């Protein structure tokens, strides 16, 4: 399901865009479990997405708007006081 750029699941298939909240949840979970390789993987994936939006393409370009739910998950995953 994870293809190195995002989660290419059923939601990905129709439009060809990844959902930004999914790597944010991956990073949050990796930080909770202190899984260093996954922390690096998901952190490196989230940081270059420009602009942050609810969707992004394989070039890490944000697509669409940014809603409060996605923004909150990104902020918690990247900036909370969790183990790294």
C-alpha atoms as a PDB file:
ATOM      1  CA  UNK A   1       0.000   0.000   0.000  1.00  0.00           C
ATOM      2  CA  UNK A   2       2.804   2.507   0.816  1.00  0.00           C
ATOM      3  CA  UNK A   3       4.704   3.120  -2.422  1.00  0.00           C
ATOM      4  CA  UNK A   4       7.453   5.455  -1.202  1.00  0.00           C
ATOM      5  CA  UNK A   5       5.479   8.620  -1.991  1.00  0.00           C
ATOM      6  CA  UNK A   6       2.276   7.913  -0.082  1.00  0.00           C
ATOM      7  CA  UNK A   7      -0.455   5.388   0.495  1.00  0.00           C
ATOM      8  CA  UNK A   8      -1.732   4.212  -2.899  1.00  0.00           C
ATOM      9  CA  UNK A   9      -4.965   2.702  -1.622  1.00  0.00           C
ATOM     10  CA  UNK A  10      -8.527   2.761  -2.975  1.00  0.00           C
ATOM     11  CA  UNK A  11      -8.863   6.482  -2.233  1.00  0.00           C
ATOM     12  CA  UNK A  12      -5.712   7.139  -4.314  1.00  0.00           C
ATOM     13  CA  UNK A  13      -6.724   5.160  -7.387  1.00  0.00           C
ATOM     14  CA  UNK A  14      -9.579   7.262  -8.866  1.00  0.00           C
ATOM     15  CA  UNK A  15      -7.738  10.619  -8.863  1.00  0.00           C
ATOM     16  CA  UNK A  16      -4.091   9.659  -8.599  1.00  0.00           C
ATOM     17  CA  UNK A  17      -3.555  11.928  -5.582  1.00  0.00           C
ATOM     18  CA  UNK A  18      -2.334  10.911  -2.144  1.00  0.00           C
ATOM     19  CA  UNK A  19      -4.105  12.029   1.039  1.00  0.00           C
ATOM     20  CA  UNK A  20      -1.820  14.126   3.238  1.00  0.00           C
ATOM     21  CA  UNK A  21      -3.280  12.995   6.544  1.00  0.00           C
ATOM     22  CA  UNK A  22      -2.093   9.404   6.007  1.00  0.00           C
ATOM     23  CA  UNK A  23       1.684  10.019   6.182  1.00  0.00           C
ATOM     24  CA  UNK A  24       0.961  12.420   9.065  1.00  0.00           C
ATOM     25  CA  UNK A  25      -0.675   9.543  10.946  1.00  0.00           C
ATOM     26  CA  UNK A  26       2.239   7.310   9.953  1.00  0.00           C
ATOM     27  CA  UNK A  27       4.715   9.815  11.388  1.00  0.00           C
ATOM     28  CA  UNK A  28       2.698  10.246  14.575  1.00  0.00           C
ATOM     29  CA  UNK A  29       2.509   6.482  15.101  1.00  0.00           C
ATOM     30  CA  UNK A  30       6.200   5.997  14.304  1.00  0.00           C
ATOM     31  CA  UNK A  31       7.091   8.666  16.861  1.00  0.00           C
ATOM     32  CA  UNK A  32       4.870   7.044  19.513  1.00  0.00           C
ATOM     33  CA  UNK A  33       6.555   3.690  18.883  1.00  0.00           C
ATOM     34  CA  UNK A  34      10.046   5.259  18.550  1.00  0.00           C
ATOM     35  CA  UNK A  35      10.555   3.656  15.125  1.00  0.00           C
ATOM     36  CA  UNK A  36      13.450   5.803  13.929  1.00  0.00           C
ATOM     37  CA  UNK A  37      13.519   4.629  10.300  1.00  0.00           C
ATOM     38  CA  UNK A  38       9.794   5.331   9.879  1.00  0.00           C
ATOM     39  CA  UNK A  39      10.110   8.693  11.647  1.00  0.00           C
ATOM     40  CA  UNK A  40      12.712   9.696   9.081  1.00  0.00           C
ATOM     41  CA  UNK A  41      10.713   8.244   6.177  1.00  0.00           C
ATOM     42  CA  UNK A  42       7.429  10.001   6.964  1.00  0.00           C
ATOM     43  CA  UNK A  43       9.094  13.218   8.144  1.00  0.00           C
ATOM     44  CA  UNK A  44      11.067  13.451   4.910  1.00  0.00           C
ATOM     45  CA  UNK A  45       7.882  12.829   2.959  1.00  0.00           C
ATOM     46  CA  UNK A  46       5.740  15.433   4.746  1.00  0.00           C
ATOM     47  CA  UNK A  47       8.203  18.326   4.990  1.00  0.00           C
ATOM     48  CA  UNK A  48       8.640  19.059   1.258  1.00  0.00           C
ATOM     49  CA  UNK A  49       4.925  19.017   0.365  1.00  0.00           C
ATOM     50  CA  UNK A  50       4.254  22.521  -0.997  1.00  0.00           C
ATOM     51  CA  UNK A  51       1.787  23.898  -0.223  1.00  0.00           C
ATOM     52  CA  UNK A  52       0.262  21.747   2.493  1.00  0.00           C
ATOM     53  CA  UNK A  53      -3.136  20.614   1.232  1.00  0.00           C
ATOM     54  CA  UNK A  54      -5.521  17.729   1.770  1.00  0.00           C
ATOM     55  CA  UNK A  55      -4.081  15.982  -1.306  1.00  0.00           C
ATOM     56  CA  UNK A  56      -0.681  15.858  -3.002  1.00  0.00           C
ATOM     57  CA  UNK A  57       0.746  14.351  -6.174  1.00  0.00           C
ATOM     58  CA  UNK A  58       3.811  12.180  -6.749  1.00  0.00           C
ATOM     59  CA  UNK A  59       5.940  15.344  -7.152  1.00  0.00           C
ATOM     60  CA  UNK A  60       4.936  16.337  -3.576  1.00  0.00           C
ATOM     61  CA  UNK A  61       2.909  19.302  -4.811  1.00  0.00           C
ATOM     62  CA  UNK A  62      -0.141  20.061  -2.704  1.00  0.00           C
ATOM     63  CA  UNK A  63      -3.478  19.862  -4.500  1.00  0.00           C
ATOM     64  CA  UNK A  64      -6.627  21.585  -3.264  1.00  0.00           C
ATOM     65  CA  UNK A  65      -7.206  23.367   0.002  1.00  0.00           C
ATOM     66  CA  UNK A  66      -5.980  22.649   3.501  1.00  0.00           C
ATOM     67  CA  UNK A  67      -8.670  21.827   6.034  1.00  0.00           C
ATOM     68  CA  UNK A  68      -8.327  22.080   9.804  1.00  0.00           C
ATOM     69  CA  UNK A  69      -8.306  18.300  10.290  1.00  0.00           C
ATOM     70  CA  UNK A  70      -5.359  17.728   7.963  1.00  0.00           C
ATOM     71  CA  UNK A  71      -3.501  20.788   9.277  1.00  0.00           C
ATOM     72  CA  UNK A  72      -3.940  19.587  12.857  1.00  0.00           C
ATOM     73  CA  UNK A  73      -2.654  16.091  12.107  1.00  0.00           C
ATOM     74  CA  UNK A  74       0.383  17.485  10.278  1.00  0.00           C
ATOM     75  CA  UNK A  75       1.175  19.866  13.152  1.00  0.00           C
ATOM     76  CA  UNK A  76       0.785  17.175  15.808  1.00  0.00           C
ATOM     77  CA  UNK A  77       2.904  14.707  13.834  1.00  0.00           C
ATOM     78  CA  UNK A  78       5.711  17.168  13.062  1.00  0.00           C
ATOM     79  CA  UNK A  79       5.840  19.377  16.152  1.00  0.00           C
ATOM     80  CA  UNK A  80       4.464  17.598  19.226  1.00  0.00           C
ATOM     81  CA  UNK A  81       6.636  16.480  22.127  1.00  0.00           C
ATOM     82  CA  UNK A  82       6.803  12.817  21.240  1.00  0.00           C
ATOM     83  CA  UNK A  83       9.867  10.565  21.211  1.00  0.00           C
ATOM     84  CA  UNK A  84      12.024  10.908  18.099  1.00  0.00           C
END
